């Protein structure tokens, strides 16, 4: 990583429960977005799920890409106002502190045999 160079990531997501993340919107919208389902996975582009799920994904990506900033776009797929408000609340109260905790622990090298 070049010194003085900052890298950020902007992604879409919702913080609620892991199951709720799979049911973001009505059936019509889901049918239209079937090709994007794989993005809900651990390796996918969307940051959707419980505070722990989202925090782990953010921390992993932040560490792997040496991010200095992460922005979550939570106004997606016609989420109701209450769901957007809950996402904001959970980001501040649970996700951010957990991401900080996860990033404070040094990563375990693959060669350590810990896996």
N, C-alpha and C. Protein backbone atom coordinates (compact mmCIF):
# COMPACT_ATOMS: atom_id res chain seq x y z
N UNK A 1 0.84 -1.18 0.00
CA UNK A 1 0.00 0.00 0.00
C UNK A 1 0.88 1.24 0.00
N UNK A 2 0.57 2.21 -0.82
CA UNK A 2 1.32 3.45 -0.91
C UNK A 2 1.03 4.32 0.30
N UNK A 3 2.05 4.87 0.91
CA UNK A 3 1.85 5.75 2.07
C UNK A 3 1.12 7.01 1.65
N UNK A 4 0.20 7.43 2.51
CA UNK A 4 -0.56 8.63 2.23
C UNK A 4 -1.75 8.41 1.32
N UNK A 5 -1.86 7.22 0.77
CA UNK A 5 -2.97 6.91 -0.12
C UNK A 5 -4.07 6.23 0.67
N UNK A 6 -5.25 6.82 0.64
CA UNK A 6 -6.37 6.24 1.36
C UNK A 6 -7.32 5.57 0.39
N UNK A 7 -7.92 4.48 0.84
CA UNK A 7 -8.82 3.72 0.00
C UNK A 7 -10.12 3.49 0.75
N UNK A 8 -11.22 3.80 0.10
CA UNK A 8 -12.53 3.58 0.70
C UNK A 8 -13.36 2.65 -0.16
N UNK A 9 -14.43 2.14 0.44
CA UNK A 9 -15.34 1.25 -0.27
C UNK A 9 -16.76 1.68 0.01
N UNK A 10 -17.56 1.75 -1.02
CA UNK A 10 -18.98 2.05 -0.89
C UNK A 10 -19.75 0.81 -1.34
N UNK A 11 -20.62 0.29 -0.48
CA UNK A 11 -21.37 -0.91 -0.83
C UNK A 11 -22.80 -0.79 -0.36
N UNK A 12 -23.65 -1.66 -0.86
CA UNK A 12 -25.06 -1.69 -0.49
C UNK A 12 -25.28 -2.69 0.62
N UNK A 13 -26.25 -2.40 1.49
CA UNK A 13 -26.55 -3.38 2.53
C UNK A 13 -27.65 -2.97 3.47
N UNK A 14 -27.96 -3.88 4.39
CA UNK A 14 -28.94 -3.66 5.44
C UNK A 14 -28.50 -4.46 6.65
N UNK A 15 -28.64 -3.87 7.84
CA UNK A 15 -28.35 -4.58 9.07
C UNK A 15 -29.66 -4.88 9.76
N UNK A 16 -29.94 -6.14 10.00
CA UNK A 16 -31.17 -6.56 10.68
C UNK A 16 -30.91 -7.94 11.25
N UNK A 17 -31.38 -8.96 10.56
CA UNK A 17 -31.06 -10.35 10.90
C UNK A 17 -30.59 -11.02 9.64
N UNK A 18 -29.92 -12.14 9.79
CA UNK A 18 -29.46 -12.85 8.59
C UNK A 18 -30.63 -13.27 7.72
N UNK A 19 -31.71 -13.75 8.34
CA UNK A 19 -32.88 -14.18 7.57
C UNK A 19 -33.55 -13.00 6.89
N UNK A 20 -33.68 -11.88 7.59
CA UNK A 20 -34.29 -10.68 7.01
C UNK A 20 -33.50 -10.21 5.80
N UNK A 21 -32.20 -10.37 5.85
CA UNK A 21 -31.36 -9.96 4.73
C UNK A 21 -31.66 -10.71 3.46
N UNK A 22 -32.18 -11.92 3.61
CA UNK A 22 -32.52 -12.72 2.43
C UNK A 22 -33.91 -12.37 1.90
N UNK A 23 -34.67 -11.59 2.67
CA UNK A 23 -36.04 -11.25 2.30
C UNK A 23 -36.22 -9.74 2.26
N UNK A 24 -35.33 -9.06 1.58
CA UNK A 24 -35.32 -7.60 1.61
C UNK A 24 -36.55 -6.93 1.04
N UNK A 25 -37.20 -7.56 0.12
CA UNK A 25 -38.30 -6.86 -0.53
C UNK A 25 -39.35 -7.85 -1.02
N UNK A 26 -40.34 -7.31 -1.69
CA UNK A 26 -41.46 -8.13 -2.15
C UNK A 26 -41.03 -9.15 -3.21
N UNK A 27 -41.91 -10.10 -3.46
CA UNK A 27 -41.60 -11.21 -4.36
C UNK A 27 -41.24 -10.73 -5.77
N UNK A 28 -41.93 -9.72 -6.26
CA UNK A 28 -41.64 -9.22 -7.61
C UNK A 28 -40.22 -8.69 -7.69
N UNK A 29 -39.83 -7.91 -6.72
CA UNK A 29 -38.47 -7.37 -6.71
C UNK A 29 -37.45 -8.50 -6.59
N UNK A 30 -37.74 -9.46 -5.73
CA UNK A 30 -36.83 -10.58 -5.55
C UNK A 30 -36.66 -11.34 -6.86
N UNK A 31 -37.75 -11.59 -7.56
CA UNK A 31 -37.65 -12.31 -8.84
C UNK A 31 -36.77 -11.54 -9.83
N UNK A 32 -36.91 -10.23 -9.83
CA UNK A 32 -36.10 -9.42 -10.75
C UNK A 32 -34.64 -9.42 -10.34
N UNK A 33 -34.37 -9.70 -9.09
CA UNK A 33 -32.99 -9.62 -8.60
C UNK A 33 -32.38 -10.99 -8.31
N UNK A 34 -32.98 -12.03 -8.83
CA UNK A 34 -32.49 -13.38 -8.58
C UNK A 34 -31.01 -13.52 -8.90
N UNK A 35 -30.58 -12.92 -9.97
CA UNK A 35 -29.17 -13.07 -10.36
C UNK A 35 -28.22 -12.44 -9.35
N UNK A 36 -28.74 -11.62 -8.45
CA UNK A 36 -27.88 -10.98 -7.45
C UNK A 36 -27.85 -11.74 -6.12
N UNK A 37 -28.59 -12.82 -5.97
CA UNK A 37 -28.63 -13.55 -4.70
C UNK A 37 -27.26 -13.97 -4.21
N UNK A 38 -26.41 -14.38 -5.13
CA UNK A 38 -25.07 -14.81 -4.71
C UNK A 38 -24.31 -13.69 -4.00
N UNK A 39 -24.72 -12.45 -4.22
CA UNK A 39 -24.03 -11.33 -3.59
C UNK A 39 -24.32 -11.23 -2.09
N UNK A 40 -25.32 -11.96 -1.60
CA UNK A 40 -25.61 -11.97 -0.17
C UNK A 40 -24.64 -12.85 0.60
N UNK A 41 -23.91 -13.69 -0.08
CA UNK A 41 -23.01 -14.63 0.58
C UNK A 41 -21.84 -13.90 1.21
N UNK A 42 -21.06 -14.65 1.94
CA UNK A 42 -19.87 -14.09 2.58
C UNK A 42 -18.94 -13.45 1.56
N UNK A 43 -18.88 -14.01 0.37
CA UNK A 43 -17.99 -13.49 -0.67
C UNK A 43 -18.69 -12.52 -1.61
N UNK A 44 -19.99 -12.32 -1.45
CA UNK A 44 -20.74 -11.45 -2.34
C UNK A 44 -20.52 -9.98 -2.04
N UNK A 45 -21.08 -9.14 -2.89
CA UNK A 45 -20.87 -7.70 -2.81
C UNK A 45 -21.75 -6.99 -1.79
N UNK A 46 -22.87 -7.62 -1.39
CA UNK A 46 -23.79 -6.95 -0.48
C UNK A 46 -23.43 -7.23 0.98
N UNK A 47 -23.61 -6.23 1.82
CA UNK A 47 -23.35 -6.34 3.25
C UNK A 47 -24.71 -6.38 3.95
N UNK A 48 -25.27 -7.58 4.04
CA UNK A 48 -26.64 -7.76 4.53
C UNK A 48 -26.64 -8.86 5.58
N UNK A 49 -27.33 -8.61 6.68
CA UNK A 49 -27.48 -9.64 7.71
C UNK A 49 -27.48 -9.06 9.10
N UNK A 50 -27.17 -9.90 10.06
CA UNK A 50 -27.14 -9.49 11.46
C UNK A 50 -25.96 -8.55 11.68
N UNK A 51 -25.95 -7.82 12.80
CA UNK A 51 -24.79 -6.97 13.10
C UNK A 51 -23.47 -7.75 13.07
N UNK A 52 -23.48 -8.96 13.61
CA UNK A 52 -22.25 -9.77 13.61
C UNK A 52 -21.84 -10.15 12.19
N UNK A 53 -22.78 -10.58 11.38
CA UNK A 53 -22.48 -10.95 9.99
C UNK A 53 -21.91 -9.77 9.21
N UNK A 54 -22.56 -8.63 9.32
CA UNK A 54 -22.11 -7.44 8.59
C UNK A 54 -20.76 -6.96 9.13
N UNK A 55 -20.59 -6.97 10.44
CA UNK A 55 -19.32 -6.53 11.03
C UNK A 55 -18.16 -7.41 10.57
N UNK A 56 -18.36 -8.71 10.58
CA UNK A 56 -17.29 -9.62 10.13
C UNK A 56 -16.94 -9.39 8.66
N UNK A 57 -17.95 -9.17 7.84
CA UNK A 57 -17.69 -8.95 6.42
C UNK A 57 -16.96 -7.62 6.21
N UNK A 58 -17.39 -6.57 6.90
CA UNK A 58 -16.71 -5.27 6.79
C UNK A 58 -15.27 -5.40 7.25
N UNK A 59 -15.05 -6.03 8.40
CA UNK A 59 -13.69 -6.16 8.93
C UNK A 59 -12.79 -6.96 7.99
N UNK A 60 -13.32 -8.02 7.42
CA UNK A 60 -12.54 -8.83 6.48
C UNK A 60 -12.14 -8.03 5.25
N UNK A 61 -13.10 -7.34 4.66
CA UNK A 61 -12.82 -6.54 3.47
C UNK A 61 -11.88 -5.37 3.81
N UNK A 62 -12.13 -4.72 4.94
CA UNK A 62 -11.28 -3.60 5.35
C UNK A 62 -9.83 -4.04 5.53
N UNK A 63 -9.65 -5.18 6.16
CA UNK A 63 -8.30 -5.69 6.37
C UNK A 63 -7.66 -6.13 5.04
N UNK A 64 -8.40 -6.89 4.24
CA UNK A 64 -7.84 -7.41 2.99
C UNK A 64 -7.49 -6.31 1.99
N UNK A 65 -8.30 -5.25 1.94
CA UNK A 65 -8.08 -4.17 0.97
C UNK A 65 -7.38 -2.96 1.58
N UNK A 66 -7.03 -3.04 2.86
CA UNK A 66 -6.38 -1.93 3.57
C UNK A 66 -7.23 -0.66 3.49
N UNK A 67 -8.52 -0.81 3.75
CA UNK A 67 -9.44 0.33 3.66
C UNK A 67 -9.22 1.30 4.81
N UNK A 68 -9.41 2.56 4.51
CA UNK A 68 -9.41 3.59 5.55
C UNK A 68 -10.82 4.14 5.76
N UNK A 69 -11.75 3.73 4.91
CA UNK A 69 -13.14 4.21 5.02
C UNK A 69 -14.07 3.16 4.42
N UNK A 70 -15.25 3.04 5.01
CA UNK A 70 -16.28 2.16 4.48
C UNK A 70 -17.62 2.88 4.58
N UNK A 71 -18.33 2.98 3.48
CA UNK A 71 -19.66 3.61 3.46
C UNK A 71 -20.68 2.56 3.08
N UNK A 72 -21.78 2.49 3.84
CA UNK A 72 -22.85 1.55 3.54
C UNK A 72 -24.05 2.29 2.99
N UNK A 73 -24.46 1.94 1.79
CA UNK A 73 -25.67 2.49 1.18
C UNK A 73 -26.84 1.64 1.65
N UNK A 74 -27.65 2.16 2.51
CA UNK A 74 -28.73 1.37 3.11
C UNK A 74 -30.10 1.70 2.52
N UNK A 75 -30.18 2.63 1.60
CA UNK A 75 -31.46 2.99 0.97
C UNK A 75 -31.58 2.22 -0.34
N UNK A 76 -31.78 0.91 -0.21
CA UNK A 76 -31.78 0.04 -1.39
C UNK A 76 -33.07 -0.77 -1.45
N UNK A 77 -33.39 -1.22 -2.61
CA UNK A 77 -34.47 -2.17 -2.85
C UNK A 77 -35.76 -1.81 -2.12
N UNK A 78 -36.10 -0.55 -2.14
CA UNK A 78 -37.36 -0.08 -1.54
C UNK A 78 -37.51 -0.45 -0.07
N UNK A 79 -36.42 -0.38 0.68
CA UNK A 79 -36.51 -0.67 2.11
C UNK A 79 -37.43 0.34 2.78
N UNK A 80 -38.30 -0.11 3.66
CA UNK A 80 -39.16 0.82 4.39
C UNK A 80 -38.32 1.73 5.30
N UNK A 81 -38.88 2.89 5.61
CA UNK A 81 -38.18 3.86 6.45
C UNK A 81 -37.73 3.23 7.77
N UNK A 82 -38.58 2.42 8.39
CA UNK A 82 -38.24 1.79 9.67
C UNK A 82 -37.01 0.88 9.53
N UNK A 83 -36.90 0.16 8.42
CA UNK A 83 -35.75 -0.72 8.20
C UNK A 83 -34.48 0.10 8.01
N UNK A 84 -34.59 1.22 7.30
CA UNK A 84 -33.42 2.09 7.12
C UNK A 84 -32.99 2.68 8.45
N UNK A 85 -33.96 3.12 9.26
CA UNK A 85 -33.64 3.69 10.57
C UNK A 85 -32.98 2.64 11.47
N UNK A 86 -33.49 1.42 11.42
CA UNK A 86 -32.92 0.34 12.24
C UNK A 86 -31.50 0.02 11.78
N UNK A 87 -31.26 0.04 10.49
CA UNK A 87 -29.91 -0.19 9.98
C UNK A 87 -28.95 0.86 10.50
N UNK A 88 -29.34 2.12 10.47
CA UNK A 88 -28.49 3.20 10.97
C UNK A 88 -28.19 2.99 12.45
N UNK A 89 -29.23 2.66 13.22
CA UNK A 89 -29.06 2.43 14.66
C UNK A 89 -28.09 1.28 14.92
N UNK A 90 -28.30 0.16 14.25
CA UNK A 90 -27.44 -1.01 14.46
C UNK A 90 -26.00 -0.77 13.99
N UNK A 91 -25.84 -0.01 12.93
CA UNK A 91 -24.49 0.33 12.47
C UNK A 91 -23.71 1.04 13.56
N UNK A 92 -24.35 2.02 14.18
CA UNK A 92 -23.67 2.79 15.21
C UNK A 92 -23.49 2.06 16.53
N UNK A 93 -24.51 1.34 16.95
CA UNK A 93 -24.48 0.71 18.28
C UNK A 93 -23.78 -0.64 18.31
N UNK A 94 -23.88 -1.40 17.23
CA UNK A 94 -23.34 -2.76 17.27
C UNK A 94 -22.27 -3.04 16.22
N UNK A 95 -22.51 -2.63 14.98
CA UNK A 95 -21.58 -2.99 13.91
C UNK A 95 -20.25 -2.27 14.06
N UNK A 96 -20.25 -0.96 14.18
CA UNK A 96 -19.00 -0.21 14.26
C UNK A 96 -18.13 -0.65 15.44
N UNK A 97 -18.68 -0.76 16.66
CA UNK A 97 -17.83 -1.25 17.76
C UNK A 97 -17.26 -2.65 17.50
N UNK A 98 -18.06 -3.52 16.89
CA UNK A 98 -17.59 -4.88 16.60
C UNK A 98 -16.50 -4.87 15.53
N UNK A 99 -16.66 -4.03 14.51
CA UNK A 99 -15.61 -3.92 13.48
C UNK A 99 -14.31 -3.45 14.13
N UNK A 100 -14.39 -2.46 14.99
CA UNK A 100 -13.18 -1.97 15.69
C UNK A 100 -12.53 -3.09 16.50
N UNK A 101 -13.35 -3.88 17.21
CA UNK A 101 -12.81 -5.00 17.98
C UNK A 101 -12.13 -6.02 17.07
N UNK A 102 -12.78 -6.35 15.98
CA UNK A 102 -12.22 -7.34 15.05
C UNK A 102 -10.91 -6.86 14.43
N UNK A 103 -10.84 -5.58 14.09
CA UNK A 103 -9.63 -5.05 13.46
C UNK A 103 -8.50 -4.84 14.47
N UNK A 104 -8.83 -4.81 15.75
CA UNK A 104 -7.81 -4.64 16.79
C UNK A 104 -7.01 -5.92 17.01
N UNK A 105 -7.56 -7.05 16.59
CA UNK A 105 -6.90 -8.35 16.75
C UNK A 105 -6.09 -8.63 15.49
N UNK A 106 -4.79 -8.89 15.63
CA UNK A 106 -3.99 -9.18 14.44
C UNK A 106 -4.50 -10.42 13.71
N UNK A 107 -4.45 -10.40 12.38
CA UNK A 107 -4.91 -11.57 11.62
C UNK A 107 -3.99 -12.77 11.86
N UNK A 108 -4.55 -13.95 11.78
CA UNK A 108 -3.77 -15.18 11.92
C UNK A 108 -3.24 -15.56 10.54
N UNK A 109 -1.92 -15.67 10.40
CA UNK A 109 -1.37 -16.05 9.09
C UNK A 109 -1.83 -17.46 8.70
N UNK A 110 -2.09 -17.67 7.43
CA UNK A 110 -2.52 -18.98 6.96
C UNK A 110 -1.48 -20.06 7.25
N UNK A 111 -0.22 -19.69 7.29
CA UNK A 111 0.85 -20.66 7.52
C UNK A 111 0.93 -21.11 8.98
N UNK A 112 0.12 -20.51 9.87
CA UNK A 112 0.19 -20.85 11.29
C UNK A 112 -0.46 -22.19 11.60
N UNK A 113 -1.21 -22.74 10.66
CA UNK A 113 -1.90 -24.01 10.90
C UNK A 113 -3.15 -23.86 11.73
N UNK A 114 -3.63 -22.63 11.93
CA UNK A 114 -4.81 -22.38 12.76
C UNK A 114 -6.09 -22.84 12.09
N UNK A 115 -6.06 -23.03 10.79
CA UNK A 115 -7.27 -23.47 10.09
C UNK A 115 -7.36 -24.93 10.10
